[in-house]
Amino acid sequence: MSDIENRESKQRADLHRKIWAIADDVRGAVDGWDFKQYILGNLFYRFISENITEFFNKAEHEAGDTAFDYAKISDEEADRDFRPGTVEDKGFFILPSQLFENVVANAGNNENLNTDLANIFNAIEGSAIGFLSEEAIKGLFKDLDTTSDRLGATVVEKNKRLCDILKGIAEIDFNDFQSNDIDAFGDAYEYLISNYASNAGKSGGEFFTPQTVSKLLARLVMDGKTSINKVYDPTCGSGSLILQMKKQFEEHIIEEGFFGQEINMTNFNLARMNMFLHNVNYNNFSIKRGDTLLNPLHNDEKPFDAIVSNPPYSIKWVGDGDPTLINDERFAPAGKLAPKSYADYAFIMHSLSYLSSKGRAAIVCFPGIFYRKGAEKTIRQYLVDNNFIDCVIQLPENLFFGTSIATCVLVMAKNKTENKVLFIDASKEFKKETNNNVLEEKNIESILNAFRERKDKEYFAKYVDKKYIEDNDYNLSVSTYVEKEDTREVIDIKVLNEEIAKTVKKIDELRAAIDVIVKELEDGE
């Protein structure tokens, strides 16, 4: 690691410590998980305020007015001279009086802070009404309830807490990061989400995929490709997984952007904020809210070249309780619906139907889906017989927040040239940390090398003919095909027998000596 990278890493770690200390300090007695939207939402508010200010300032400075500061002009001037055309470019508009820096400057003396903030958030959302960005902005601040009793019992208490939050976020210094061209706000946002997820346990895992796992999935779907049309996550949570594609492949052309669907409103809003915070413009993403299985909202899109997903494991769904679903073009080809108790294959079949003819999907899965019988076996058979299964990777245990299960990655493709499936046992590819295991860069590279080479490697990888899978009753468990290394101590029988003989001889000698002593004692009597 270079000196610059070391310095950058230290700066990031210092910044992260400060951010978490501020977030922990301002929440008071409120549970961090319940309070997260106030920290994340106001961090986003600061970001879009600074983003639009910089947008206007840069234009005016380049035009010759080097003293111009958008935050200092009147709302009337801003509305007249700067609003036209801005929403088309940025997706939203903020008046100078509504900017984060101006609100925080007067927060301590503002008796109407909570209602003023609510009005500002409504105004920002309202600025997009009637424009192409309306869907990307609508309801974005819905979780930031500035009248909630979580903030305090009285208006005074609520305003005090809100003031503390605003001032705490204002204290975060991003200058070093911006000068080093680091995605400062996005990095801070991801860090906070990760920490909230870690501390929340099981519920946290529902909206955040650890970055190292996201990195692996992104590299798997992009391996060997120079460009893709777009990327899709059918259960996108906070959006971290699809954004990893942007982080990993800036040099690749993701031509039509980032797409996702999320059923949970809080996560839906976090995902949209996350896009903006990572400088993904509103016209380059489409995050929609709804039940992916029962109400897919991207079905008018042309198929996706890249799909990455970490769907909820083995949750219940309506299944054959809805007789129309068996005729759904996503599920019908397999001839069976995923069981009511396990929706895993419903998500898999949904992803497959959205995958382009040259695309690749990487999906984190619960291991039970690879060997359970019944409808799941029927769907596995369909996937194997039609040569859609490209690779199954056994991951280490304890990688995810809230579960110690050793999950798997299912890689699917529609353009395979061989009737074979690659199985990789990466269960030992991890670094142990305090609360969980993580994939290091060398672990990810080890998996990717096996994925590219498609060669048998003892105890690690096996490239299996489809016929062999059929003979194993369509079992897709990695352990069925990749032998586990026997770590027990190897015993040399010849050496063992010699040692036993020596021991027996020694015992016989001792017994003879004891007999002599006993006889002498008896004779002495």
Protein backbone atom coordinates (compact mmCIF):
# COMPACT_ATOMS: atom_id res chain seq x y z
CA MET A 1 0.00 0.00 0.00
CA SER A 2 1.39 3.42 -1.00
CA ASP A 3 1.85 6.36 1.37
CA ILE A 4 -1.10 8.10 -0.26
CA GLU A 5 -3.31 5.03 0.19
CA ASN A 6 -2.16 4.70 3.82
CA ARG A 7 -2.95 8.33 4.51
CA GLU A 8 -6.29 8.02 2.75
CA SER A 9 -7.16 4.90 4.74
CA LYS A 10 -6.26 6.61 8.02
CA GLN A 11 -8.30 9.68 7.11
CA ARG A 12 -11.26 7.49 6.27
CA ALA A 13 -10.96 5.58 9.56
CA ASP A 14 -10.70 8.85 11.52
CA LEU A 15 -13.71 10.28 9.72
CA HIS A 16 -15.72 7.12 10.36
CA ARG A 17 -14.94 7.26 14.09
CA LYS A 18 -16.04 10.90 14.26
CA ILE A 19 -19.23 10.24 12.31
CA TRP A 20 -20.26 7.32 14.51
CA ALA A 21 -19.41 9.23 17.69
CA ILE A 22 -21.62 12.11 16.55
CA ALA A 23 -24.45 9.77 15.54
CA ASP A 24 -24.21 7.93 18.86
CA ASP A 25 -24.06 11.16 20.86
CA VAL A 26 -27.08 12.92 19.35
CA ARG A 27 -29.46 9.96 19.53
CA GLY A 28 -29.53 10.10 23.35
CA ALA A 29 -31.63 7.28 24.81
CA VAL A 30 -33.27 6.43 21.47
CA ASP A 31 -32.32 3.08 19.94
CA GLY A 32 -29.82 3.58 17.12
CA TRP A 33 -31.83 1.48 14.68
CA ASP A 34 -34.97 3.56 15.27
CA PHE A 35 -32.98 6.78 14.97
CA LYS A 36 -31.03 5.97 11.80
CA GLN A 37 -33.32 7.81 9.39
CA TYR A 38 -32.73 11.10 11.22
CA ILE A 39 -28.96 10.81 10.89
CA LEU A 40 -28.97 9.40 7.36
CA GLY A 41 -31.74 11.73 6.19
CA ASN A 42 -30.07 14.88 7.48
CA LEU A 43 -26.71 13.79 6.07
CA PHE A 44 -28.52 13.55 2.74
CA TYR A 45 -30.08 16.99 3.32
CA ARG A 46 -26.61 18.45 3.85
CA PHE A 47 -25.33 16.71 0.72
CA ILE A 48 -28.02 17.98 -1.66
CA SER A 49 -27.72 21.48 -0.16
CA GLU A 50 -23.97 21.59 -0.76
CA ASN A 51 -24.36 19.87 -4.11
CA ILE A 52 -26.79 22.45 -5.51
CA THR A 53 -24.81 25.34 -3.99
CA GLU A 54 -21.63 24.11 -5.66
CA PHE A 55 -23.57 23.64 -8.92
CA PHE A 56 -24.62 27.31 -8.99
CA ASN A 57 -21.39 28.72 -7.56
CA LYS A 58 -19.23 26.91 -10.10
CA ALA A 59 -21.30 28.25 -13.00
CA GLU A 60 -21.19 31.83 -11.69
CA HIS A 61 -17.47 31.69 -10.87
CA GLU A 62 -16.69 30.41 -14.36
CA ALA A 63 -18.81 33.23 -15.77
CA GLY A 64 -16.59 35.76 -13.98
CA ASP A 65 -18.43 36.48 -10.71
CA THR A 66 -15.84 34.92 -8.39
CA ALA A 67 -17.45 36.40 -5.25
CA PHE A 68 -20.84 34.81 -5.89
CA ASP A 69 -22.29 32.58 -3.15
CA TYR A 70 -25.70 31.05 -3.77
CA ALA A 71 -26.27 30.66 -0.01
CA LYS A 72 -26.10 34.45 0.40
CA ILE A 73 -28.63 35.59 -2.22
CA SER A 74 -32.35 36.16 -1.60
CA ASP A 75 -35.00 33.53 -2.22
CA GLU A 76 -36.65 35.90 -4.71
CA GLU A 77 -33.47 36.20 -6.79
CA ALA A 78 -32.91 32.45 -6.64
CA ASP A 79 -36.48 31.70 -7.70
CA ARG A 80 -36.28 34.16 -10.59
CA ASP A 81 -32.77 33.54 -11.90
CA PHE A 82 -31.77 30.03 -10.82
CA ARG A 83 -34.86 27.83 -10.64
CA PRO A 84 -35.54 27.71 -14.42
CA GLY A 85 -33.84 24.64 -15.89
CA THR A 86 -32.38 23.46 -12.58
CA VAL A 87 -34.88 20.68 -11.85
CA GLU A 88 -34.27 19.25 -15.33
CA ASP A 89 -30.53 19.12 -14.54
CA LYS A 90 -30.42 18.23 -10.84
CA GLY A 91 -33.84 16.69 -10.26
CA PHE A 92 -34.77 19.16 -7.48
CA PHE A 93 -34.48 22.79 -6.37
CA ILE A 94 -33.64 24.35 -2.99
CA LEU A 95 -34.02 28.02 -2.09
CA PRO A 96 -31.11 29.70 -0.23
CA SER A 97 -33.13 30.01 3.00
CA GLN A 98 -33.78 26.25 2.84
CA LEU A 99 -30.12 25.26 2.52
CA PHE A 100 -28.62 23.12 5.28
CA GLU A 101 -25.93 25.68 6.14
CA ASN A 102 -28.48 28.49 6.61
CA VAL A 103 -30.89 26.35 8.63
CA VAL A 104 -28.17 25.04 10.97
CA ALA A 105 -26.81 28.56 11.53
CA ASN A 106 -30.09 29.61 13.15
CA ALA A 107 -31.21 26.24 14.52
CA GLY A 108 -30.45 27.05 18.17
CA ASN A 109 -32.74 30.10 18.15
CA ASN A 110 -35.53 28.70 15.98
CA GLU A 111 -38.63 27.85 18.03
CA ASN A 112 -40.25 26.44 14.88
CA LEU A 113 -37.31 24.28 13.79
CA ASN A 114 -39.27 21.03 13.56
CA THR A 115 -42.07 22.51 11.43
CA ASP A 116 -39.63 24.57 9.33
CA LEU A 117 -37.66 21.41 8.50
CA ALA A 118 -40.87 19.57 7.59
CA ASN A 119 -41.83 22.43 5.26
CA ILE A 120 -38.35 22.47 3.69
CA PHE A 121 -38.42 18.73 3.03
CA ASN A 122 -41.91 19.03 1.51
CA ALA A 123 -40.72 21.94 -0.65
CA ILE A 124 -37.72 19.96 -1.95
CA GLU A 125 -39.99 17.04 -2.88
CA GLY A 126 -42.55 19.45 -4.33
CA SER A 127 -39.95 21.09 -6.55
CA ALA A 128 -39.85 17.93 -8.70
CA ILE A 129 -43.61 17.63 -9.25
CA GLY A 130 -44.39 17.62 -12.96
CA PHE A 131 -40.78 16.90 -13.93
CA LEU A 132 -39.10 13.66 -15.00
CA SER A 133 -37.42 13.44 -11.59
CA GLU A 134 -40.72 13.35 -9.69
CA GLU A 135 -40.63 9.58 -9.15
CA ALA A 136 -37.02 9.70 -7.90
CA ILE A 137 -37.79 12.49 -5.38
CA LYS A 138 -41.37 11.84 -4.26
CA GLY A 139 -41.64 10.81 -0.60
CA LEU A 140 -37.87 10.87 -0.14
CA PHE A 141 -38.08 12.51 3.30
CA LYS A 142 -41.17 10.60 4.44
CA ASP A 143 -39.28 8.81 7.22
CA LEU A 144 -37.93 12.08 8.61
CA ASP A 145 -40.89 12.78 10.87
CA THR A 146 -39.84 15.96 12.66
CA THR A 147 -42.91 15.78 14.93
CA SER A 148 -42.19 12.24 16.16
CA ASP A 149 -42.17 11.54 19.91
CA ARG A 150 -38.87 9.71 19.34
CA LEU A 151 -37.30 13.16 19.20
CA GLY A 152 -38.83 14.26 22.51
CA ALA A 153 -42.07 14.66 24.44
CA THR A 154 -42.45 18.42 23.82
CA VAL A 155 -41.77 20.76 20.91
CA VAL A 156 -38.85 22.26 22.85
CA GLU A 157 -37.30 18.79 23.31
CA LYS A 158 -37.90 17.89 19.66
CA ASN A 159 -36.24 21.10 18.48
CA LYS A 160 -33.29 20.56 20.84
CA ARG A 161 -32.71 17.06 19.45
CA LEU A 162 -33.07 18.23 15.84
CA CYS A 163 -30.66 21.10 16.52
CA ASP A 164 -28.13 18.64 17.97
CA ILE A 165 -28.45 16.42 14.90
CA LEU A 166 -27.99 19.30 12.46
CA LYS A 167 -25.01 20.71 14.34
CA GLY A 168 -23.44 17.27 14.71
CA ILE A 169 -23.69 16.63 10.98
CA ALA A 170 -22.42 20.15 10.26
CA GLU A 171 -19.26 19.34 12.27
CA ILE A 172 -18.25 16.50 9.94
CA ASP A 173 -15.31 17.74 7.88
CA PHE A 174 -15.20 16.23 4.40
CA ASN A 175 -12.54 18.56 3.00
CA ASP A 176 -9.62 16.11 3.13
CA PHE A 177 -11.68 13.51 1.36
CA GLN A 178 -12.91 15.86 -1.35
CA SER A 179 -9.36 17.00 -2.08
CA ASN A 180 -8.38 13.35 -2.50
CA ASP A 181 -11.32 12.75 -4.85
CA ILE A 182 -13.01 10.29 -2.51
CA ASP A 183 -16.78 9.96 -2.70
CA ALA A 184 -17.00 11.54 0.75
CA PHE A 185 -20.72 11.74 1.45
CA GLY A 186 -21.43 8.39 -0.18
CA ASP A 187 -18.62 6.77 1.80
CA ALA A 188 -19.95 8.22 5.07
CA TYR A 189 -23.49 7.12 4.25
CA GLU A 190 -22.39 3.56 3.47
CA TYR A 191 -20.35 3.44 6.67
CA LEU A 192 -23.32 4.54 8.79
CA ILE A 193 -25.63 2.05 7.08
CA SER A 194 -23.10 -0.72 7.69
CA ASN A 195 -22.78 0.15 11.37
CA TYR A 196 -26.53 0.41 11.89
CA ALA A 197 -26.96 -2.96 10.18
CA SER A 198 -24.23 -4.55 12.28
CA ASN A 199 -25.71 -3.28 15.54
CA ALA A 200 -29.26 -4.19 14.53
CA GLY A 201 -28.45 -7.88 14.05
CA LYS A 202 -30.99 -9.86 12.04
CA SER A 203 -33.13 -6.90 10.98
CA GLY A 204 -30.04 -5.10 9.74
CA GLY A 205 -29.18 -7.89 7.34
CA GLU A 206 -32.45 -7.28 5.52
CA PHE A 207 -31.33 -4.00 4.02
CA PHE A 208 -27.56 -4.20 3.76
CA THR A 209 -25.19 -6.64 2.05
CA PRO A 210 -21.61 -6.40 3.42
CA GLN A 211 -19.40 -4.55 0.96
CA THR A 212 -16.94 -7.41 0.50
CA VAL A 213 -19.78 -9.76 -0.54
CA SER A 214 -21.19 -7.03 -2.80
CA LYS A 215 -17.74 -6.68 -4.36
CA LEU A 216 -17.59 -10.42 -5.09
CA LEU A 217 -21.05 -10.44 -6.73
CA ALA A 218 -20.22 -7.37 -8.83
CA ARG A 219 -17.00 -8.91 -10.11
CA LEU A 220 -18.67 -12.24 -10.85
CA VAL A 221 -21.36 -10.71 -13.08
CA MET A 222 -18.90 -8.39 -14.84
CA ASP A 223 -16.06 -10.88 -15.30
CA GLY A 224 -14.92 -10.90 -18.91
CA LYS A 225 -17.28 -8.08 -19.93
CA THR A 226 -16.26 -4.64 -21.17
CA SER A 227 -19.73 -3.10 -20.96
CA ILE A 228 -23.32 -3.88 -19.98
CA ASN A 229 -26.63 -2.20 -20.70
CA LYS A 230 -27.73 -1.86 -17.04
CA VAL A 231 -27.74 -3.51 -13.62
CA TYR A 232 -30.74 -4.69 -11.59
CA ASP A 233 -31.39 -5.80 -8.01
CA PRO A 234 -34.94 -7.13 -7.43
CA THR A 235 -34.60 -6.81 -3.63
CA CYS A 236 -32.31 -3.81 -3.42
CA GLY A 237 -32.55 -2.83 0.27
CA SER A 238 -30.48 0.34 0.75
CA GLY A 239 -29.02 0.08 -2.76
CA SER A 240 -25.52 -0.82 -1.60
CA LEU A 241 -25.26 -3.90 -3.81
CA ILE A 242 -26.03 -2.22 -7.14
CA LEU A 243 -23.85 0.77 -6.20
CA GLN A 244 -20.93 -1.62 -5.77
CA MET A 245 -21.14 -2.07 -9.54
CA LYS A 246 -20.46 1.66 -9.94
CA LYS A 247 -17.55 1.51 -7.48
CA GLN A 248 -15.94 -1.53 -9.06
CA PHE A 249 -16.41 -0.69 -12.70
CA GLU A 250 -16.09 3.03 -13.31
CA GLU A 251 -14.09 2.16 -16.42
CA HIS A 252 -16.83 -0.10 -17.72
CA ILE A 253 -19.79 1.43 -19.47
CA ILE A 254 -23.02 0.80 -17.58
CA GLU A 255 -25.00 2.37 -20.37
CA GLU A 256 -28.53 2.74 -19.01
CA GLY A 257 -27.91 2.89 -15.28
CA PHE A 258 -29.10 1.27 -12.07
CA PHE A 259 -32.45 -0.38 -11.39
CA GLY A 260 -33.97 -1.86 -8.25
CA GLN A 261 -37.15 -2.69 -6.40
CA GLU A 262 -37.72 -2.71 -2.63
CA ILE A 263 -40.81 -3.53 -0.59
CA ASN A 264 -39.87 -1.70 2.62
CA MET A 265 -40.53 2.06 2.57
CA THR A 266 -37.58 3.05 4.79
CA ASN A 267 -35.17 0.98 2.71
CA PHE A 268 -36.73 2.32 -0.50
CA ASN A 269 -36.00 5.89 0.62
CA LEU A 270 -32.49 4.98 1.81
CA ALA A 271 -31.75 3.43 -1.59
CA ARG A 272 -32.82 6.53 -3.51
CA MET A 273 -30.82 8.79 -1.20
CA ASN A 274 -27.86 6.45 -1.63
CA MET A 275 -28.01 6.91 -5.41
CA PHE A 276 -27.87 10.71 -5.14
CA LEU A 277 -25.11 10.54 -2.52
CA HIS A 278 -22.98 8.52 -4.94
CA ASN A 279 -23.54 11.08 -7.69
CA VAL A 280 -25.93 8.91 -9.69
CA ASN A 281 -28.27 11.43 -11.31
CA TYR A 282 -32.03 10.86 -11.20
CA ASN A 283 -32.14 10.05 -14.93
CA ASN A 284 -29.61 7.25 -14.43
CA PHE A 285 -31.47 5.18 -11.83
CA SER A 286 -34.93 3.75 -11.26
CA ILE A 287 -35.66 2.51 -7.75
CA LYS A 288 -39.30 1.50 -7.26
CA ARG A 289 -41.29 0.40 -4.24
CA GLY A 290 -43.40 -2.74 -4.27
CA ASP A 291 -43.54 -6.52 -3.84
CA THR A 292 -41.16 -7.86 -6.48
CA LEU A 293 -42.82 -11.28 -6.64
CA LEU A 294 -46.44 -10.13 -6.83
CA ASN A 295 -46.07 -6.68 -8.36
CA PRO A 296 -42.89 -6.42 -10.45
CA LEU A 297 -42.41 -2.81 -11.51
CA HIS A 298 -39.64 -3.11 -14.10
CA ASN A 299 -41.36 -5.63 -16.36
CA ASP A 300 -41.52 -3.12 -19.22
CA GLU A 301 -37.75 -2.82 -19.26
CA LYS A 302 -35.69 -4.74 -21.77
CA PRO A 303 -33.71 -7.59 -20.15
CA PHE A 304 -30.70 -6.80 -17.95
CA ASP A 305 -27.10 -7.76 -18.69
CA ALA A 306 -26.23 -7.81 -14.97
CA ILE A 307 -28.36 -8.86 -12.00
CA VAL A 308 -27.06 -8.93 -8.43
CA SER A 309 -29.24 -9.82 -5.47
CA ASN A 310 -29.32 -10.86 -1.83
CA PRO A 311 -33.02 -11.73 -1.41
CA PRO A 312 -34.53 -12.65 1.97
CA TYR A 313 -33.81 -16.29 2.81
CA SER A 314 -36.65 -18.82 2.77
CA ILE A 315 -39.48 -16.39 3.54
CA LYS A 316 -43.13 -17.29 3.06
CA TRP A 317 -45.10 -16.14 0.04
CA VAL A 318 -48.55 -16.80 -1.45
CA GLY A 319 -47.26 -19.42 -3.93
CA ASP A 320 -49.98 -21.70 -5.28
CA GLY A 321 -52.44 -19.90 -3.02
CA ASP A 322 -52.76 -17.59 -6.02
CA PRO A 323 -53.76 -19.80 -8.99
CA THR A 324 -52.77 -17.12 -11.51
CA LEU A 325 -49.08 -17.23 -10.59
CA ILE A 326 -48.41 -20.56 -12.31
CA ASN A 327 -49.24 -18.79 -15.57
CA ASP A 328 -46.94 -15.86 -14.81
CA GLU A 329 -44.28 -15.76 -17.54
CA ARG A 330 -41.58 -15.59 -14.86
CA PHE A 331 -42.60 -18.79 -13.06
CA ALA A 332 -44.45 -20.86 -15.69
CA PRO A 333 -41.40 -22.31 -17.51
CA ALA A 334 -40.35 -24.43 -14.51
CA GLY A 335 -43.79 -26.05 -14.28
CA LYS A 336 -43.90 -25.54 -10.49
CA LEU A 337 -44.09 -22.60 -8.13
CA ALA A 338 -41.70 -22.17 -5.24
CA PRO A 339 -43.31 -23.62 -2.06
CA LYS A 340 -45.37 -21.29 0.13
CA SER A 341 -42.86 -21.68 2.96
CA TYR A 342 -39.78 -20.97 0.83
CA ALA A 343 -39.88 -18.13 -1.71
CA ASP A 344 -36.20 -18.52 -2.69
CA TYR A 345 -36.82 -20.00 -6.13
CA ALA A 346 -39.51 -17.41 -6.84
CA PHE A 347 -36.80 -14.74 -6.57
CA ILE A 348 -34.43 -16.87 -8.66
CA MET A 349 -36.99 -17.47 -11.43
CA HIS A 350 -37.90 -13.77 -11.38
CA SER A 351 -34.24 -12.85 -11.86
CA LEU A 352 -33.79 -15.41 -14.62
CA SER A 353 -36.75 -13.99 -16.54
CA TYR A 354 -35.24 -10.48 -16.35
CA LEU A 355 -31.80 -11.66 -17.50
CA SER A 356 -30.68 -10.88 -21.05
CA SER A 357 -29.45 -13.56 -23.44
CA LYS A 358 -25.85 -12.44 -22.84
CA GLY A 359 -26.28 -11.51 -19.18
CA ARG A 360 -25.17 -13.01 -15.89
CA ALA A 361 -26.87 -13.06 -12.48
CA ALA A 362 -25.22 -13.59 -9.08
CA ILE A 363 -27.61 -14.29 -6.22
CA VAL A 364 -26.87 -14.97 -2.54
CA CYS A 365 -28.87 -18.04 -1.47
CA PHE A 366 -29.75 -20.09 1.59
CA PRO A 367 -27.95 -23.46 1.21
CA GLY A 368 -31.09 -25.54 1.76
CA ILE A 369 -32.46 -24.63 -1.66
CA PHE A 370 -29.79 -26.73 -3.34
CA TYR A 371 -30.88 -30.07 -1.88
CA ARG A 372 -34.50 -29.82 -0.67
CA LYS A 373 -37.00 -32.07 -2.46
CA GLY A 374 -40.47 -31.40 -3.87
CA ALA A 375 -41.16 -28.30 -5.96
CA GLU A 376 -37.67 -26.95 -5.34
CA LYS A 377 -36.13 -30.06 -6.89
CA THR A 378 -38.42 -29.67 -9.91
CA ILE A 379 -37.27 -26.08 -10.39
CA ARG A 380 -33.61 -27.11 -9.95
CA GLN A 381 -34.11 -29.75 -12.63
CA TYR A 382 -35.54 -27.14 -15.00
CA LEU A 383 -32.56 -24.84 -14.39
CA VAL A 384 -29.99 -27.63 -14.86
CA ASP A 385 -31.68 -29.23 -17.89
CA ASN A 386 -31.85 -25.86 -19.64
CA ASN A 387 -28.21 -25.11 -18.79
CA PHE A 388 -28.89 -21.91 -16.85
CA ILE A 389 -26.75 -22.83 -13.81
CA ASP A 390 -23.23 -21.54 -14.35
CA CYS A 391 -21.66 -21.83 -10.90
CA VAL A 392 -22.47 -22.51 -7.23
CA ILE A 393 -20.10 -21.04 -4.64
CA GLN A 394 -20.08 -22.05 -0.97
CA LEU A 395 -19.24 -18.96 1.09
CA PRO A 396 -17.77 -18.92 4.61
CA GLU A 397 -20.10 -18.80 7.58
CA ASN A 398 -20.81 -15.64 9.57
CA LEU A 399 -20.31 -13.15 6.72
CA PHE A 400 -23.69 -11.48 7.09
CA PHE A 401 -25.25 -9.36 9.82
CA GLY A 402 -27.79 -11.21 11.92
CA THR A 403 -27.03 -14.75 10.73
CA SER A 404 -24.06 -17.10 11.06
CA ILE A 405 -25.32 -19.32 8.20
CA ALA A 406 -22.77 -20.23 5.55
CA THR A 407 -24.60 -18.88 2.49
CA CYS A 408 -23.98 -19.68 -1.17
CA VAL A 409 -23.81 -17.70 -4.39
CA LEU A 410 -25.76 -18.96 -7.39
CA VAL A 411 -24.46 -17.70 -10.73
CA MET A 412 -26.79 -18.03 -13.72
CA ALA A 413 -26.28 -17.30 -17.42
CA LYS A 414 -28.21 -17.87 -20.65
CA ASN A 415 -25.25 -18.05 -23.04
CA LYS A 416 -23.23 -20.98 -21.69
CA THR A 417 -21.18 -22.94 -24.22
CA GLU A 418 -20.72 -26.12 -22.14
CA ASN A 419 -23.22 -28.39 -20.39
CA LYS A 420 -21.27 -28.24 -17.15
CA VAL A 421 -21.58 -26.55 -13.76
CA LEU A 422 -18.69 -25.20 -11.70
CA PHE A 423 -18.73 -25.81 -7.94
CA ILE A 424 -16.41 -23.80 -5.68
CA ASP A 425 -15.89 -24.43 -1.96
CA ALA A 426 -14.78 -21.04 -0.61
CA SER A 427 -15.81 -21.85 2.96
CA LYS A 428 -12.23 -21.26 4.18
CA GLU A 429 -11.69 -18.06 2.20
CA PHE A 430 -12.09 -15.46 4.92
CA LYS A 431 -10.45 -13.34 7.57
CA LYS A 432 -11.85 -13.60 11.09
CA GLU A 433 -12.75 -10.30 12.74
CA THR A 434 -14.26 -9.49 16.14
CA ASN A 435 -17.95 -10.05 15.40
CA ASN A 436 -17.95 -11.70 12.00
CA ASN A 437 -15.88 -13.01 9.10
CA VAL A 438 -14.94 -10.92 6.06
CA LEU A 439 -13.76 -11.63 2.53
CA GLU A 440 -10.39 -10.04 1.88
CA GLU A 441 -9.17 -9.05 -1.56
CA LYS A 442 -7.06 -12.21 -1.80
CA ASN A 443 -10.13 -14.34 -0.97
CA ILE A 444 -12.19 -12.65 -3.68
CA GLU A 445 -9.36 -13.10 -6.19
CA SER A 446 -9.04 -16.77 -5.28
CA ILE A 447 -12.74 -17.31 -6.03
CA LEU A 448 -12.59 -15.29 -9.26
CA ASN A 449 -9.53 -17.17 -10.49
CA ALA A 450 -11.34 -20.49 -10.04
CA PHE A 451 -14.41 -19.00 -11.74
CA ARG A 452 -12.33 -17.98 -14.76
CA GLU A 453 -10.16 -21.10 -15.02
CA ARG A 454 -12.97 -23.68 -14.67
CA LYS A 455 -10.55 -26.41 -13.69
CA ASP A 456 -10.75 -29.05 -11.00
CA LYS A 457 -8.75 -28.11 -7.93
CA GLU A 458 -8.55 -30.54 -5.03
CA TYR A 459 -10.74 -29.53 -2.08
CA PHE A 460 -11.66 -26.22 -3.80
CA ALA A 461 -13.25 -26.48 -7.26
CA LYS A 462 -14.94 -29.09 -9.44
CA TYR A 463 -16.23 -28.63 -13.00
CA VAL A 464 -19.06 -31.14 -13.28
CA ASP A 465 -20.90 -32.57 -16.30
CA LYS A 466 -24.66 -32.13 -16.29
CA LYS A 467 -25.08 -35.93 -16.42
CA TYR A 468 -23.30 -36.28 -13.07
CA ILE A 469 -25.71 -33.77 -11.53
CA GLU A 470 -28.65 -35.74 -12.94
CA ASP A 471 -27.19 -38.91 -11.40
CA ASN A 472 -27.08 -37.09 -8.05
CA ASP A 473 -30.81 -36.37 -8.25
CA TYR A 474 -30.20 -32.70 -9.18
CA ASN A 475 -28.52 -31.97 -5.87
CA LEU A 476 -26.55 -28.72 -6.28
CA SER A 477 -24.84 -28.65 -2.88
CA VAL A 478 -21.15 -27.85 -3.25
CA SER A 479 -20.26 -30.58 -0.73
CA THR A 480 -21.74 -33.19 -3.09
CA TYR A 481 -19.07 -32.46 -5.70
CA VAL A 482 -16.10 -30.86 -3.92
CA GLU A 483 -14.49 -33.20 -1.43
CA LYS A 484 -13.72 -31.76 1.99
CA GLU A 485 -10.10 -31.96 3.02
CA ASP A 486 -9.56 -34.39 5.88
CA THR A 487 -7.72 -32.32 8.46
CA ARG A 488 -7.38 -35.16 10.93
CA GLU A 489 -3.83 -36.24 11.77
CA VAL A 490 -2.56 -38.97 9.47
CA ILE A 491 -1.49 -42.01 11.49
CA ASP A 492 1.32 -44.32 10.32
CA ILE A 493 0.08 -47.81 11.29
CA LYS A 494 3.57 -49.35 11.21
CA VAL A 495 4.93 -46.72 13.60
CA LEU A 496 1.84 -47.06 15.77
CA ASN A 497 2.27 -50.85 16.01
CA GLU A 498 5.92 -50.43 16.95
CA GLU A 499 4.95 -47.96 19.69
CA ILE A 500 2.25 -50.33 20.94
CA ALA A 501 4.76 -53.19 21.03
CA LYS A 502 7.21 -51.04 23.01
CA THR A 503 4.47 -50.01 25.40
CA VAL A 504 3.31 -53.61 25.90
CA LYS A 505 6.90 -54.70 26.50
CA LYS A 506 7.37 -51.91 29.05
CA ILE A 507 4.12 -52.89 30.79
CA ASP A 508 5.27 -56.51 30.93
CA GLU A 509 8.61 -55.45 32.44
CA LEU A 510 6.87 -53.29 35.04
CA ARG A 511 4.43 -56.07 35.87
CA ALA A 512 7.34 -58.53 36.34
CA ALA A 513 9.12 -56.03 38.59
CA ILE A 514 5.95 -55.56 40.64
CA ASP A 515 5.58 -59.35 40.97
CA VAL A 516 9.14 -59.58 42.32
CA ILE A 517 8.48 -56.87 44.89
CA VAL A 518 5.22 -58.48 45.98
CA LYS A 519 6.94 -61.90 46.39
CA GLU A 520 9.73 -60.34 48.45
CA LEU A 521 7.17 -58.71 50.70
CA GLU A 522 5.30 -61.98 51.09
CA ASP A 523 8.53 -63.90 51.88
CA GLY A 524 9.46 -61.27 54.44
CA GLU A 525 6.28 -61.95 56.34
